[in-house]
Amino acid sequence: MRRFLFIFFIIPSVLLGQDSLRSDTTYLTLAEVIKMTISYHPIVKQADLLTLSAEAVLRESRGQLDPKVEFDYDLKDFKETEYYNLLNTTFKIPTWLGVDPKIEFQKNSGEYLNPQNFISPTTDNEQIAVGLSVPLGKGLFFDERRNAIRQAEAFSQIAAAEQIKETNKILFTIIKDYWNWYFASKKQALMIQAIDLAQNLFDRTLIDYEYGEAAVVDTLQAKINFQKRTVDYRKATLEYELAKLNLVKHLWSENLIPLELQNNVLPDSASLFSAPEDNSIKAAIEFAMTSNPEISKLEGKREQLDADMRWARESLKPQIDLSYSLIDAPIDPELNSRSVEFGDNYKMGIDFSFPILLRKERGKLQQSRLKLQSNEYQLAQSQVELKNDVLGAYAQSIAFQDLLVQYQGVSRNYRRLLDAEIINLQNGETDLFKLNIQQDKYIESQTDFYEAFTKWEKSKAEFYHIVGFPILGLSNLFGIVTN
């Protein structure tokens, strides 16, 4: 009867197929964590600012093409004598091609007016000049403002890639922390089962000792086993709490309010990522070679360096700026139409400059070429490394998938051995020492199984992270539109 009670105490704990859970246990899925991260995580929000910053930089650079109004007014009046009264208003329209139209309105008067500012009183001292300025040398095909716009456009590509990179980085970190929490929870559950069994063994050994059916050494062995399981449980509990804290630091709600997890919340085993397959590797590599964030950043940098080198090459030309304006044509100050006569009533100016040795310009051009060449080397190396990393991540995922199947079989077989050892103990054909050995083997194999499962899940996420899919390829799942 006592041996029957002994087995009755043991079997429920050992043969428990699932973790002992509280009735109010709830599960936090990885999908829910990712959704909260995308919506509220400060680092994700900070990464979104990169594209907004790039848009501001582009807007600033394009502002160099904004039409501009200039107004100058000078007046001198001394001892009731108006020396001069000068009004000059100019409306300029910068263009992408470098040919800038302009309209000038002048009204000049005064007793001591500079002759070059004189305007006939017949037009009420008013004059309109319509013309344009054209760079004939340096700046004709490419100028500094076009270079700034090209730089800003390339920076937009770099910023978008950096946003994807930073978002993917924090998502991958959170995914790893989630599966670490999952593994720690399963390990703690195993230790709970082990300590329950050790407690039952110790209690029943004491009862058997009181009835003379167990030796003192048996009670000592059972106590040592219980103490060892207690230590293992406390270690597992510490690991669980630390893993939980690592995940909690990523949980946020609206208005930057950090969240906490209640004690009854546990991780779920539902996966978000499908295992990569042979027929998808080629497409993944092609995507990585062109759209991976690191590759996109290098290509954006190449566009910036191309613009820099083009401007450096343009700077080797002499500066020849021509300006030409028709006076009171094709309209006069009263806005009447006038015929255009290019040989009469005009203003023209030419500005010329040219450095004799061109050392500054040639040095800048050489630097631009070297930087561009260096970027090409880095791009080629990065593409090769990225391709190998994608293949390595694929091989790792397949390996962990195979290991998972093997560990599952090993754990199942050790479970059978443990159940058999319990039956042998019931029949008096074994002892606590052998039972402890089988229990250790079962705990070890089950731990290996959970570890392989978590590594497999991490490896699947790592594959998508290395390839560089936006939001780790989860955009459709969460209804997010990516460029």
Foldseek 3Di string as FASTA:
>chain_A
DLLVVLLVLQPVLLVPPDFDADPPFDEDELVNLLLQLCVPFPLLVVLVVLLVVLVVQLVVLCCVQDKDKDWDWDWDADPNFTAKTKIKIKIWGQDPQRKIKMKIKIAMDGDNDDVVQADDCVQPSIKMKTWIKAWPAQPRRHADSNLSNLLSVLSSLLSQLSSLLSSLVVSLQLLLLLLLLQLLVVLLSLLVSQLSNLVSQLVSLVVCVVVVNHDPVQNVVSVVSNVVSVVSNVVSVVSNVVSQVSNQVSRADPPGHGDHDDPSYGYDLDADFDADDPVCLVVLLVLLLCPASVLSNLVSVLSSLVSQLVSLVSVQIKGKMKMKIAMCPCHTPVRDGHDDDRVDRMDMDIDTDHDDPCPVSVVSNVVSVVVSVVSVVVSVVVSVVLSVVLVVLNVQLVVLVVVLVVLVVQLVVLSVVLVVVSVCVSVVNDGPVVNSVSSVSNSVSVSSNSVSSSSNSSSRLVSLSSSSDRSSPCCVVNVHDDD
